[in-house]
Amino acid sequence: MTGPGGPAPQRPAPPPGLDPLTGQDPVHLGGHRLLGRISDTGNGVVYGAVDVNRRCAALRTLPTRDRVTLDRRVEALCLSAAVCAAPVHTVDLSGPVPWIAMEYVPGRDLDTHVRSFGPLEGAHLTGAAAGTAEALGALHTAGTVHGDLAPDRVLLSPRGPRVVGAGLADETLAAAGAAGWSAPETAHGGAPGPGADVFSWACAVVLAATGRGPFGRGTVQEIHERALHGRFDLRGVPEWMAPLVAKSLHPDPRARPGAHALARALLPRGATSALPEALGALLAEHWRGFDAAGHDPVLWSMAPERATRRRPGRGIRWGRTGS
């Protein structure tokens, strides 16, 4: 393709683990070089990026329909702090394309791992369940929800489980979430609350422990009916863990436990330190055998610089709430 200034520059192939950028994708955003695509959620594109300090990031573009709500959600996400959630690096909501850059988490998602290697067992299952609950609890304490938790939003990294894609889902899309993962109160357009996250957490735990969802197969309507009436199958979930999962799948969100209470209940009895420290100790002792699945961010920082440079970003910036 040739433009007014001559042939268009060829974009280098992305590092392993990333899909190529399209012709519509930017090359730089803020102080980040965009090296390739991680995913396109339909609610914003997630890019693999490197910032001016050579930190690798998952940079996500955000919807612009309601900047007031977006400001509130991103601020809550920045305030939340969890062992098992990717921290925020940089935010810019002021431009025509708002974005947020978070620490990149290498590894397989829960669904891919279970399909490839089978269900989690023992301390791996406990760590994944407790870590996911801890990350959700941090969001709830900060005043927001994940709103779109599904097995592909739980990554099993070499350092522990990590919850990604948090707090920024369009409520309309989140409420219509996949059958078998979304809470019954959101099935007809209700906005997800903390209880909906807990319900989705329980579905993910059942998948991690058994390789299947708790409501079996069938049409969307059949699965929603089972969820609405509490007809779930927990066979294969460890006996000691099953009561926690069952309570979390209760059709009434008011009857479900809180996420932090779940995380604490899953940790070894007798653990007296604060939740982050106790969870960190569990993962440090038992989390072994999870690799980066070929998604090596070290290769990102070694990727060749493109010819075009832009002025680096200025860290976290809170943009205008108007259009």
C-alpha atoms as a PDB file:
ATOM      1  CA  MET A   1       0.000   0.000   0.000  1.00  0.00           C
ATOM      2  CA  THR A   2       1.392   3.418  -0.973  1.00  0.00           C
ATOM      3  CA  GLY A   3       0.423   6.696   0.646  1.00  0.00           C
ATOM      4  CA  PRO A   4       1.178  10.353  -0.203  1.00  0.00           C
ATOM      5  CA  GLY A   5       4.596  10.065   1.379  1.00  0.00           C
ATOM      6  CA  GLY A   6       5.564   6.789  -0.280  1.00  0.00           C
ATOM      7  CA  PRO A   7       5.126   3.181   0.731  1.00  0.00           C
ATOM      8  CA  ALA A   8       3.482   2.618   4.100  1.00  0.00           C
ATOM      9  CA  PRO A   9       5.991   1.267   6.664  1.00  0.00           C
ATOM     10  CA  GLN A  10       5.798  -2.443   7.323  1.00  0.00           C
ATOM     11  CA  ARG A  11       4.766  -3.305  10.856  1.00  0.00           C
ATOM     12  CA  PRO A  12       7.039  -5.903  12.414  1.00  0.00           C
ATOM     13  CA  ALA A  13       5.595  -9.271  13.373  1.00  0.00           C
ATOM     14  CA  PRO A  14       4.360  -9.322  16.971  1.00  0.00           C
ATOM     15  CA  PRO A  15       6.207 -11.233  19.683  1.00  0.00           C
ATOM     16  CA  PRO A  16       4.958 -14.760  20.464  1.00  0.00           C
ATOM     17  CA  GLY A  17       1.617 -14.765  22.242  1.00  0.00           C
ATOM     18  CA  LEU A  18       0.245 -11.682  20.488  1.00  0.00           C
ATOM     19  CA  ASP A  19      -1.852 -11.312  17.352  1.00  0.00           C
ATOM     20  CA  PRO A  20      -0.779  -8.756  14.721  1.00  0.00           C
ATOM     21  CA  LEU A  21      -2.048  -5.199  14.862  1.00  0.00           C
ATOM     22  CA  THR A  22      -4.615  -4.311  12.232  1.00  0.00           C
ATOM     23  CA  GLY A  23      -4.502  -1.318   9.935  1.00  0.00           C
ATOM     24  CA  GLN A  24      -6.926   0.484  12.249  1.00  0.00           C
ATOM     25  CA  ASP A  25      -4.812  -0.020  15.392  1.00  0.00           C
ATOM     26  CA  PRO A  26      -2.548   2.749  16.678  1.00  0.00           C
ATOM     27  CA  VAL A  27       1.184   2.141  16.948  1.00  0.00           C
ATOM     28  CA  HIS A  28       1.633   4.243  20.091  1.00  0.00           C
ATOM     29  CA  LEU A  29      -0.813   5.243  22.806  1.00  0.00           C
ATOM     30  CA  GLY A  30       0.434   7.579  25.491  1.00  0.00           C
ATOM     31  CA  GLY A  31       3.940   6.450  26.366  1.00  0.00           C
ATOM     32  CA  HIS A  32       3.284   2.888  25.220  1.00  0.00           C
ATOM     33  CA  ARG A  33       4.423   1.018  22.120  1.00  0.00           C
ATOM     34  CA  LEU A  34       1.674  -1.331  21.013  1.00  0.00           C
ATOM     35  CA  LEU A  35       3.222  -4.602  19.864  1.00  0.00           C
ATOM     36  CA  GLY A  36       0.151  -6.683  19.107  1.00  0.00           C
ATOM     37  CA  ARG A  37      -3.355  -7.637  20.143  1.00  0.00           C
ATOM     38  CA  ILE A  38      -4.251  -9.811  23.110  1.00  0.00           C
ATOM     39  CA  SER A  39      -8.009  -9.812  22.535  1.00  0.00           C
ATOM     40  CA  ASP A  40     -10.967  -7.859  21.271  1.00  0.00           C
ATOM     41  CA  THR A  41     -13.717  -8.041  23.879  1.00  0.00           C
ATOM     42  CA  GLY A  42     -16.333  -6.186  21.844  1.00  0.00           C
ATOM     43  CA  ASN A  43     -16.076  -3.621  24.628  1.00  0.00           C
ATOM     44  CA  GLY A  44     -12.549  -2.431  23.846  1.00  0.00           C
ATOM     45  CA  VAL A  45      -9.365  -3.910  22.395  1.00  0.00           C
ATOM     46  CA  VAL A  46      -6.636  -5.261  24.695  1.00  0.00           C
ATOM     47  CA  TYR A  47      -3.098  -4.745  23.390  1.00  0.00           C
ATOM     48  CA  GLY A  48       0.266  -6.072  24.457  1.00  0.00           C
ATOM     49  CA  ALA A  49       2.377  -2.986  25.093  1.00  0.00           C
ATOM     50  CA  VAL A  50       5.686  -1.757  26.480  1.00  0.00           C
ATOM     51  CA  ASP A  51       5.976   1.581  28.279  1.00  0.00           C
ATOM     52  CA  VAL A  52       8.898   4.018  28.393  1.00  0.00           C
ATOM     53  CA  ASN A  53      10.354   2.114  31.359  1.00  0.00           C
ATOM     54  CA  ARG A  54      10.152  -1.168  29.385  1.00  0.00           C
ATOM     55  CA  ARG A  55       7.420  -2.500  31.628  1.00  0.00           C
ATOM     56  CA  CYS A  56       5.114  -4.911  29.820  1.00  0.00           C
ATOM     57  CA  ALA A  57       1.432  -4.078  30.042  1.00  0.00           C
ATOM     58  CA  ALA A  58      -1.986  -5.156  28.912  1.00  0.00           C
ATOM     59  CA  LEU A  59      -3.401  -1.891  27.558  1.00  0.00           C
ATOM     60  CA  ARG A  60      -7.158  -1.799  27.121  1.00  0.00           C
ATOM     61  CA  THR A  61      -9.138   0.823  25.257  1.00  0.00           C
ATOM     62  CA  LEU A  62     -12.361   1.767  27.003  1.00  0.00           C
ATOM     63  CA  PRO A  63     -15.894   2.712  25.941  1.00  0.00           C
ATOM     64  CA  THR A  64     -16.694   6.431  25.792  1.00  0.00           C
ATOM     65  CA  ARG A  65     -20.472   6.343  26.217  1.00  0.00           C
ATOM     66  CA  ASP A  66     -20.568   7.405  29.884  1.00  0.00           C
ATOM     67  CA  ARG A  67     -17.420   9.148  31.049  1.00  0.00           C
ATOM     68  CA  VAL A  68     -18.773   9.856  34.532  1.00  0.00           C
ATOM     69  CA  THR A  69     -19.331   6.159  35.191  1.00  0.00           C
ATOM     70  CA  LEU A  70     -16.017   5.305  33.551  1.00  0.00           C
ATOM     71  CA  ASP A  71     -14.134   7.745  35.798  1.00  0.00           C
ATOM     72  CA  ARG A  72     -15.776   6.240  38.875  1.00  0.00           C
ATOM     73  CA  ARG A  73     -15.028   2.653  37.907  1.00  0.00           C
ATOM     74  CA  VAL A  74     -11.419   3.289  36.954  1.00  0.00           C
ATOM     75  CA  GLU A  75     -10.795   5.236  40.152  1.00  0.00           C
ATOM     76  CA  ALA A  76     -12.178   2.320  42.191  1.00  0.00           C
ATOM     77  CA  LEU A  77     -10.032  -0.104  40.224  1.00  0.00           C
ATOM     78  CA  CYS A  78      -6.927   1.972  40.960  1.00  0.00           C
ATOM     79  CA  LEU A  79      -7.809   2.019  44.663  1.00  0.00           C
ATOM     80  CA  SER A  80      -8.315  -1.730  44.883  1.00  0.00           C
ATOM     81  CA  ALA A  81      -5.251  -3.718  45.871  1.00  0.00           C
ATOM     82  CA  ALA A  82      -5.042  -7.494  45.841  1.00  0.00           C
ATOM     83  CA  VAL A  83      -2.427 -10.210  45.737  1.00  0.00           C
ATOM     84  CA  CYS A  84      -4.262 -11.906  42.876  1.00  0.00           C
ATOM     85  CA  ALA A  85      -5.177  -8.960  40.654  1.00  0.00           C
ATOM     86  CA  ALA A  86      -3.013  -7.204  38.087  1.00  0.00           C
ATOM     87  CA  PRO A  87      -2.093  -3.699  39.336  1.00  0.00           C
ATOM     88  CA  VAL A  88      -2.827  -0.580  37.301  1.00  0.00           C
ATOM     89  CA  HIS A  89       0.191   1.044  35.651  1.00  0.00           C
ATOM     90  CA  THR A  90      -1.217   4.071  33.842  1.00  0.00           C
ATOM     91  CA  VAL A  91      -4.600   5.573  32.949  1.00  0.00           C
ATOM     92  CA  ASP A  92      -5.627   8.234  30.466  1.00  0.00           C
ATOM     93  CA  LEU A  93      -9.336   9.007  30.202  1.00  0.00           C
ATOM     94  CA  SER A  94      -8.996  12.501  28.746  1.00  0.00           C
ATOM     95  CA  GLY A  95      -8.407  11.740  25.084  1.00  0.00           C
ATOM     96  CA  PRO A  96     -10.734  10.613  22.309  1.00  0.00           C
ATOM     97  CA  VAL A  97      -9.740   6.992  23.050  1.00  0.00           C
ATOM     98  CA  PRO A  98      -9.658   6.422  26.833  1.00  0.00           C
ATOM     99  CA  TRP A  99      -7.373   3.603  27.957  1.00  0.00           C
ATOM    100  CA  ILE A 100      -5.975   1.832  30.981  1.00  0.00           C
ATOM    101  CA  ALA A 101      -2.680  -0.062  31.149  1.00  0.00           C
ATOM    102  CA  MET A 102      -2.274  -2.843  33.699  1.00  0.00           C
ATOM    103  CA  GLU A 103       0.513  -5.269  34.471  1.00  0.00           C
ATOM    104  CA  TYR A 104       0.603  -8.009  31.888  1.00  0.00           C
ATOM    105  CA  VAL A 105      -0.087 -11.479  33.302  1.00  0.00           C
ATOM    106  CA  PRO A 106       1.430 -14.381  31.329  1.00  0.00           C
ATOM    107  CA  GLY A 107      -0.098 -17.842  31.573  1.00  0.00           C
ATOM    108  CA  ARG A 108      -3.110 -19.889  30.514  1.00  0.00           C
ATOM    109  CA  ASP A 109      -6.626 -18.970  31.438  1.00  0.00           C
ATOM    110  CA  LEU A 110      -8.517 -21.369  33.688  1.00  0.00           C
ATOM    111  CA  ASP A 111     -10.641 -22.853  30.914  1.00  0.00           C
ATOM    112  CA  THR A 112      -7.653 -23.518  28.659  1.00  0.00           C
ATOM    113  CA  HIS A 113      -5.626 -25.035  31.487  1.00  0.00           C
ATOM    114  CA  VAL A 114      -8.399 -27.402  32.562  1.00  0.00           C
ATOM    115  CA  ARG A 115      -9.073 -28.523  28.988  1.00  0.00           C
ATOM    116  CA  SER A 116      -5.358 -29.110  28.398  1.00  0.00           C
ATOM    117  CA  PHE A 117      -4.261 -30.657  31.687  1.00  0.00           C
ATOM    118  CA  GLY A 118      -7.391 -31.608  33.615  1.00  0.00           C
ATOM    119  CA  PRO A 119      -8.949 -30.195  36.809  1.00  0.00           C
ATOM    120  CA  LEU A 120      -6.930 -28.585  39.574  1.00  0.00           C
ATOM    121  CA  GLU A 121      -6.339 -30.528  42.759  1.00  0.00           C
ATOM    122  CA  GLY A 122      -5.167 -30.007  46.323  1.00  0.00           C
ATOM    123  CA  ALA A 123      -3.333 -26.775  47.087  1.00  0.00           C
ATOM    124  CA  HIS A 124      -3.561 -25.662  43.449  1.00  0.00           C
ATOM    125  CA  LEU A 125      -7.358 -25.722  43.626  1.00  0.00           C
ATOM    126  CA  THR A 126      -7.352 -24.040  47.031  1.00  0.00           C
ATOM    127  CA  GLY A 127      -4.947 -21.345  45.828  1.00  0.00           C
ATOM    128  CA  ALA A 128      -6.942 -20.635  42.683  1.00  0.00           C
ATOM    129  CA  ALA A 129     -10.234 -20.454  44.579  1.00  0.00           C
ATOM    130  CA  ALA A 130      -8.875 -18.332  47.438  1.00  0.00           C
ATOM    131  CA  GLY A 131      -6.900 -16.036  45.154  1.00  0.00           C
ATOM    132  CA  THR A 132      -9.846 -15.361  42.874  1.00  0.00           C
ATOM    133  CA  ALA A 133     -12.079 -14.616  45.868  1.00  0.00           C
ATOM    134  CA  GLU A 134      -9.442 -12.286  47.338  1.00  0.00           C
ATOM    135  CA  ALA A 135      -9.203 -10.307  44.094  1.00  0.00           C
ATOM    136  CA  LEU A 136     -12.990  -9.940  43.922  1.00  0.00           C
ATOM    137  CA  GLY A 137     -13.143  -8.889  47.566  1.00  0.00           C
ATOM    138  CA  ALA A 138     -10.638  -6.101  46.927  1.00  0.00           C
ATOM    139  CA  LEU A 139     -12.832  -4.767  44.123  1.00  0.00           C
ATOM    140  CA  HIS A 140     -15.920  -4.884  46.331  1.00  0.00           C
ATOM    141  CA  THR A 141     -14.126  -3.073  49.160  1.00  0.00           C
ATOM    142  CA  ALA A 142     -13.100  -0.336  46.712  1.00  0.00           C
ATOM    143  CA  GLY A 143     -16.731   0.131  45.677  1.00  0.00           C
ATOM    144  CA  THR A 144     -16.901  -1.614  42.327  1.00  0.00           C
ATOM    145  CA  VAL A 145     -17.504  -5.096  40.913  1.00  0.00           C
ATOM    146  CA  HIS A 146     -15.864  -7.217  38.283  1.00  0.00           C
ATOM    147  CA  GLY A 147     -19.169  -7.681  36.503  1.00  0.00           C
ATOM    148  CA  ASP A 148     -17.935 -10.133  33.872  1.00  0.00           C
ATOM    149  CA  LEU A 149     -16.071 -12.926  35.633  1.00  0.00           C
ATOM    150  CA  ALA A 150     -15.725 -16.051  33.505  1.00  0.00           C
ATOM    151  CA  PRO A 151     -13.073 -18.786  33.237  1.00  0.00           C
ATOM    152  CA  ASP A 152     -11.088 -16.825  30.647  1.00  0.00           C
ATOM    153  CA  ARG A 153     -10.787 -13.944  33.145  1.00  0.00           C
ATOM    154  CA  VAL A 154      -8.888 -16.113  35.639  1.00  0.00           C
ATOM    155  CA  LEU A 155      -5.256 -16.561  34.563  1.00  0.00           C
ATOM    156  CA  LEU A 156      -2.995 -19.191  36.111  1.00  0.00           C
ATOM    157  CA  SER A 157       0.345 -17.415  35.996  1.00  0.00           C
ATOM    158  CA  PRO A 158       3.693 -18.760  37.222  1.00  0.00           C
ATOM    159  CA  ARG A 159       3.306 -16.538  40.306  1.00  0.00           C
ATOM    160  CA  GLY A 160      -0.270 -17.427  41.167  1.00  0.00           C
ATOM    161  CA  PRO A 161      -3.842 -16.980  39.971  1.00  0.00           C
ATOM    162  CA  ARG A 162      -4.732 -13.529  38.670  1.00  0.00           C
ATOM    163  CA  VAL A 163      -8.133 -11.984  37.934  1.00  0.00           C
ATOM    164  CA  VAL A 164      -8.141  -9.745  34.850  1.00  0.00           C
ATOM    165  CA  GLY A 165     -10.723  -7.701  32.948  1.00  0.00           C
ATOM    166  CA  ALA A 166     -12.073  -6.313  36.204  1.00  0.00           C
ATOM    167  CA  GLY A 167     -14.547  -3.550  36.796  1.00  0.00           C
ATOM    168  CA  LEU A 168     -14.773  -2.144  33.258  1.00  0.00           C
ATOM    169  CA  ALA A 169     -17.407  -4.280  31.550  1.00  0.00           C
ATOM    170  CA  ASP A 170     -20.389  -2.586  29.997  1.00  0.00           C
ATOM    171  CA  GLU A 171     -23.246  -3.398  32.385  1.00  0.00           C
ATOM    172  CA  THR A 172     -25.580  -4.299  29.537  1.00  0.00           C
ATOM    173  CA  LEU A 173     -23.082  -6.782  28.127  1.00  0.00           C
ATOM    174  CA  ALA A 174     -22.153  -8.131  31.556  1.00  0.00           C
ATOM    175  CA  ALA A 175     -25.781  -8.665  32.537  1.00  0.00           C
ATOM    176  CA  ALA A 176     -26.266 -10.780  29.442  1.00  0.00           C
ATOM    177  CA  GLY A 177     -23.250 -12.925  30.381  1.00  0.00           C
ATOM    178  CA  ALA A 178     -22.746 -16.480  29.269  1.00  0.00           C
ATOM    179  CA  ALA A 179     -25.297 -19.007  30.435  1.00  0.00           C
ATOM    180  CA  GLY A 180     -23.905 -21.049  33.292  1.00  0.00           C
ATOM    181  CA  TRP A 181     -21.568 -18.297  34.539  1.00  0.00           C
ATOM    182  CA  SER A 182     -23.781 -15.278  35.157  1.00  0.00           C
ATOM    183  CA  ALA A 183     -25.984 -14.931  38.228  1.00  0.00           C
ATOM    184  CA  PRO A 184     -29.749 -15.410  37.775  1.00  0.00           C
ATOM    185  CA  GLU A 185     -30.509 -11.863  38.935  1.00  0.00           C
ATOM    186  CA  THR A 186     -28.628 -10.501  35.897  1.00  0.00           C
ATOM    187  CA  ALA A 187     -30.304 -12.765  33.326  1.00  0.00           C
ATOM    188  CA  HIS A 188     -32.931 -10.186  32.349  1.00  0.00           C
ATOM    189  CA  GLY A 189     -30.837  -7.042  32.375  1.00  0.00           C
ATOM    190  CA  GLY A 190     -30.164  -6.513  36.077  1.00  0.00           C
ATOM    191  CA  ALA A 191     -26.854  -4.801  36.875  1.00  0.00           C
ATOM    192  CA  PRO A 192     -24.324  -7.162  38.477  1.00  0.00           C
ATOM    193  CA  GLY A 193     -23.494  -6.554  42.130  1.00  0.00           C
ATOM    194  CA  PRO A 194     -20.964  -8.177  44.492  1.00  0.00           C
ATOM    195  CA  GLY A 195     -23.245 -11.188  44.851  1.00  0.00           C
ATOM    196  CA  ALA A 196     -23.157 -11.764  41.102  1.00  0.00           C
ATOM    197  CA  ASP A 197     -19.356 -11.863  41.226  1.00  0.00           C
ATOM    198  CA  VAL A 198     -19.541 -14.442  44.022  1.00  0.00           C
ATOM    199  CA  PHE A 199     -21.938 -16.565  41.954  1.00  0.00           C
ATOM    200  CA  SER A 200     -19.569 -16.469  38.981  1.00  0.00           C
ATOM    201  CA  TRP A 201     -16.663 -17.278  41.318  1.00  0.00           C
ATOM    202  CA  ALA A 202     -18.471 -20.458  42.398  1.00  0.00           C
ATOM    203  CA  CYS A 203     -19.029 -21.466  38.769  1.00  0.00           C
ATOM    204  CA  ALA A 204     -15.313 -21.003  38.084  1.00  0.00           C
ATOM    205  CA  VAL A 205     -14.398 -23.095  41.131  1.00  0.00           C
ATOM    206  CA  VAL A 206     -16.634 -25.933  39.950  1.00  0.00           C
ATOM    207  CA  LEU A 207     -14.939 -25.823  36.551  1.00  0.00           C
ATOM    208  CA  ALA A 208     -11.496 -25.793  38.179  1.00  0.00           C
ATOM    209  CA  ALA A 209     -12.368 -28.801  40.361  1.00  0.00           C
ATOM    210  CA  THR A 210     -14.349 -30.907  37.899  1.00  0.00           C
ATOM    211  CA  GLY A 211     -13.744 -29.720  34.339  1.00  0.00           C
ATOM    212  CA  ARG A 212     -17.411 -28.752  33.839  1.00  0.00           C
ATOM    213  CA  GLY A 213     -19.835 -26.073  34.914  1.00  0.00           C
ATOM    214  CA  PRO A 214     -22.289 -26.531  37.796  1.00  0.00           C
ATOM    215  CA  PHE A 215     -25.488 -26.433  35.709  1.00  0.00           C
ATOM    216  CA  GLY A 216     -24.767 -29.007  33.031  1.00  0.00           C
ATOM    217  CA  ARG A 217     -25.555 -28.737  29.347  1.00  0.00           C
ATOM    218  CA  GLY A 218     -28.676 -27.591  27.547  1.00  0.00           C
ATOM    219  CA  THR A 219     -30.231 -24.517  26.054  1.00  0.00           C
ATOM    220  CA  VAL A 220     -29.623 -21.091  27.521  1.00  0.00           C
ATOM    221  CA  GLN A 221     -33.139 -21.156  28.981  1.00  0.00           C
ATOM    222  CA  GLU A 222     -32.636 -24.577  30.579  1.00  0.00           C
ATOM    223  CA  ILE A 223     -29.374 -23.530  32.186  1.00  0.00           C
ATOM    224  CA  HIS A 224     -30.850 -20.259  33.482  1.00  0.00           C
ATOM    225  CA  GLU A 225     -33.788 -22.186  34.930  1.00  0.00           C
ATOM    226  CA  ARG A 226     -31.441 -24.496  36.837  1.00  0.00           C
ATOM    227  CA  ALA A 227     -29.515 -21.494  38.171  1.00  0.00           C
ATOM    228  CA  LEU A 228     -32.728 -19.723  39.166  1.00  0.00           C
ATOM    229  CA  HIS A 229     -33.891 -22.752  41.168  1.00  0.00           C
ATOM    230  CA  GLY A 230     -30.522 -23.737  42.628  1.00  0.00           C
ATOM    231  CA  ARG A 231     -30.238 -27.031  40.767  1.00  0.00           C
ATOM    232  CA  PHE A 232     -26.464 -27.418  40.531  1.00  0.00           C
ATOM    233  CA  ASP A 233     -24.141 -30.409  40.425  1.00  0.00           C
ATOM    234  CA  LEU A 234     -21.130 -30.282  42.753  1.00  0.00           C
ATOM    235  CA  ARG A 235     -19.932 -33.843  42.293  1.00  0.00           C
ATOM    236  CA  GLY A 236     -16.141 -33.754  42.192  1.00  0.00           C
ATOM    237  CA  VAL A 237     -15.798 -30.607  44.297  1.00  0.00           C
ATOM    238  CA  PRO A 238     -13.838 -31.471  47.470  1.00  0.00           C
ATOM    239  CA  GLU A 239     -16.169 -32.265  50.350  1.00  0.00           C
ATOM    240  CA  TRP A 240     -14.824 -29.537  52.596  1.00  0.00           C
ATOM    241  CA  MET A 241     -15.138 -26.898  49.857  1.00  0.00           C
ATOM    242  CA  ALA A 242     -18.574 -27.878  48.533  1.00  0.00           C
ATOM    243  CA  PRO A 243     -20.638 -26.057  51.240  1.00  0.00           C
ATOM    244  CA  LEU A 244     -18.910 -22.754  50.426  1.00  0.00           C
ATOM    245  CA  VAL A 245     -19.561 -23.235  46.727  1.00  0.00           C
ATOM    246  CA  ALA A 246     -23.193 -24.235  47.340  1.00  0.00           C
ATOM    247  CA  LYS A 247     -23.847 -21.099  49.408  1.00  0.00           C
ATOM    248  CA  SER A 248     -22.267 -18.993  46.673  1.00  0.00           C
ATOM    249  CA  LEU A 249     -24.618 -20.477  44.078  1.00  0.00           C
ATOM    250  CA  HIS A 250     -27.738 -19.581  46.062  1.00  0.00           C
ATOM    251  CA  PRO A 251     -30.378 -18.032  43.760  1.00  0.00           C
ATOM    252  CA  ASP A 252     -30.802 -15.109  46.172  1.00  0.00           C
ATOM    253  CA  PRO A 253     -27.722 -12.840  46.105  1.00  0.00           C
ATOM    254  CA  ARG A 254     -28.423 -11.760  49.692  1.00  0.00           C
ATOM    255  CA  ALA A 255     -27.824 -15.332  50.853  1.00  0.00           C
ATOM    256  CA  ARG A 256     -24.373 -15.593  49.287  1.00  0.00           C
ATOM    257  CA  PRO A 257     -21.248 -15.033  51.380  1.00  0.00           C
ATOM    258  CA  GLY A 258     -18.899 -12.131  50.789  1.00  0.00           C
ATOM    259  CA  ALA A 259     -15.811 -12.639  48.653  1.00  0.00           C
ATOM    260  CA  HIS A 260     -13.307 -11.836  51.397  1.00  0.00           C
ATOM    261  CA  ALA A 261     -15.103 -14.208  53.782  1.00  0.00           C
ATOM    262  CA  LEU A 262     -14.777 -16.937  51.159  1.00  0.00           C
ATOM    263  CA  ALA A 263     -11.061 -16.288  50.704  1.00  0.00           C
ATOM    264  CA  ARG A 264     -10.457 -16.433  54.453  1.00  0.00           C
ATOM    265  CA  ALA A 265     -12.517 -19.629  54.814  1.00  0.00           C
ATOM    266  CA  LEU A 266     -10.452 -21.326  52.099  1.00  0.00           C
ATOM    267  CA  LEU A 267      -7.099 -20.654  53.741  1.00  0.00           C
ATOM    268  CA  PRO A 268      -5.560 -23.221  56.084  1.00  0.00           C
ATOM    269  CA  ARG A 269      -7.105 -23.325  59.523  1.00  0.00           C
ATOM    270  CA  GLY A 270      -5.045 -21.523  62.098  1.00  0.00           C
ATOM    271  CA  ALA A 271      -3.768 -18.847  59.703  1.00  0.00           C
ATOM    272  CA  THR A 272      -3.787 -15.715  61.846  1.00  0.00           C
ATOM    273  CA  SER A 273      -2.034 -13.188  59.598  1.00  0.00           C
ATOM    274  CA  ALA A 274      -3.916 -10.696  57.445  1.00  0.00           C
ATOM    275  CA  LEU A 275      -5.558 -12.103  54.328  1.00  0.00           C
ATOM    276  CA  PRO A 276      -2.960 -10.849  51.783  1.00  0.00           C
ATOM    277  CA  GLU A 277      -0.077 -12.228  53.839  1.00  0.00           C
ATOM    278  CA  ALA A 278      -1.795 -15.571  54.500  1.00  0.00           C
ATOM    279  CA  LEU A 279      -2.703 -15.970  50.824  1.00  0.00           C
ATOM    280  CA  GLY A 280       0.786 -14.970  49.728  1.00  0.00           C
ATOM    281  CA  ALA A 281       2.299 -17.569  52.052  1.00  0.00           C
ATOM    282  CA  LEU A 282       0.018 -20.290  50.671  1.00  0.00           C
ATOM    283  CA  LEU A 283       0.948 -19.490  47.084  1.00  0.00           C
ATOM    284  CA  ALA A 284       4.660 -19.185  47.860  1.00  0.00           C
ATOM    285  CA  GLU A 285       4.659 -22.653  49.424  1.00  0.00           C
ATOM    286  CA  HIS A 286       2.433 -24.572  47.036  1.00  0.00           C
ATOM    287  CA  TRP A 287       2.024 -22.789  43.671  1.00  0.00           C
ATOM    288  CA  ARG A 288       4.239 -24.788  41.328  1.00  0.00           C
ATOM    289  CA  GLY A 289       4.104 -26.134  37.789  1.00  0.00           C
ATOM    290  CA  PHE A 290       2.377 -23.238  35.986  1.00  0.00           C
ATOM    291  CA  ASP A 291       4.280 -21.712  33.092  1.00  0.00           C
ATOM    292  CA  ALA A 292       3.853 -18.617  30.940  1.00  0.00           C
ATOM    293  CA  ALA A 293       2.281 -20.643  28.092  1.00  0.00           C
ATOM    294  CA  GLY A 294       4.674 -19.097  25.604  1.00  0.00           C
ATOM    295  CA  HIS A 295       3.563 -15.562  26.491  1.00  0.00           C
ATOM    296  CA  ASP A 296       7.015 -14.289  27.415  1.00  0.00           C
ATOM    297  CA  PRO A 297       6.887 -10.547  28.170  1.00  0.00           C
ATOM    298  CA  VAL A 298      10.687 -10.414  28.201  1.00  0.00           C
ATOM    299  CA  LEU A 299      10.511 -10.700  24.419  1.00  0.00           C
ATOM    300  CA  TRP A 300       8.201  -7.690  24.321  1.00  0.00           C
ATOM    301  CA  SER A 301      10.762  -5.377  25.866  1.00  0.00           C
ATOM    302  CA  MET A 302      13.286  -6.603  23.289  1.00  0.00           C
ATOM    303  CA  ALA A 303      10.979  -5.887  20.351  1.00  0.00           C
ATOM    304  CA  PRO A 304      12.432  -3.361  17.871  1.00  0.00           C
ATOM    305  CA  GLU A 305      11.318   0.224  18.295  1.00  0.00           C
ATOM    306  CA  ARG A 306       9.134   1.595  15.517  1.00  0.00           C
ATOM    307  CA  ALA A 307      10.199   4.691  13.665  1.00  0.00           C
ATOM    308  CA  THR A 308       7.350   6.884  14.890  1.00  0.00           C
ATOM    309  CA  ARG A 309       7.664   8.240  18.405  1.00  0.00           C
ATOM    310  CA  ARG A 310       5.234  10.270  20.425  1.00  0.00           C
ATOM    311  CA  ARG A 311       5.559  12.204  23.630  1.00  0.00           C
ATOM    312  CA  PRO A 312       5.445   9.845  26.640  1.00  0.00           C
ATOM    313  CA  GLY A 313       2.359   9.881  28.829  1.00  0.00           C
ATOM    314  CA  ARG A 314       2.343  11.558  32.235  1.00  0.00           C
ATOM    315  CA  GLY A 315       1.246   8.697  34.444  1.00  0.00           C
ATOM    316  CA  ILE A 316      -2.274   8.439  35.811  1.00  0.00           C
ATOM    317  CA  ARG A 317      -4.438  11.238  34.473  1.00  0.00           C
ATOM    318  CA  TRP A 318      -8.103  11.745  35.189  1.00  0.00           C
ATOM    319  CA  GLY A 319      -9.841  13.108  32.139  1.00  0.00           C
ATOM    320  CA  ARG A 320     -12.873  15.272  31.649  1.00  0.00           C
ATOM    321  CA  THR A 321     -16.183  13.671  32.500  1.00  0.00           C
ATOM    322  CA  GLY A 322     -17.904  15.303  29.585  1.00  0.00           C
ATOM    323  CA  SER A 323     -17.642  14.379  25.930  1.00  0.00           C
END
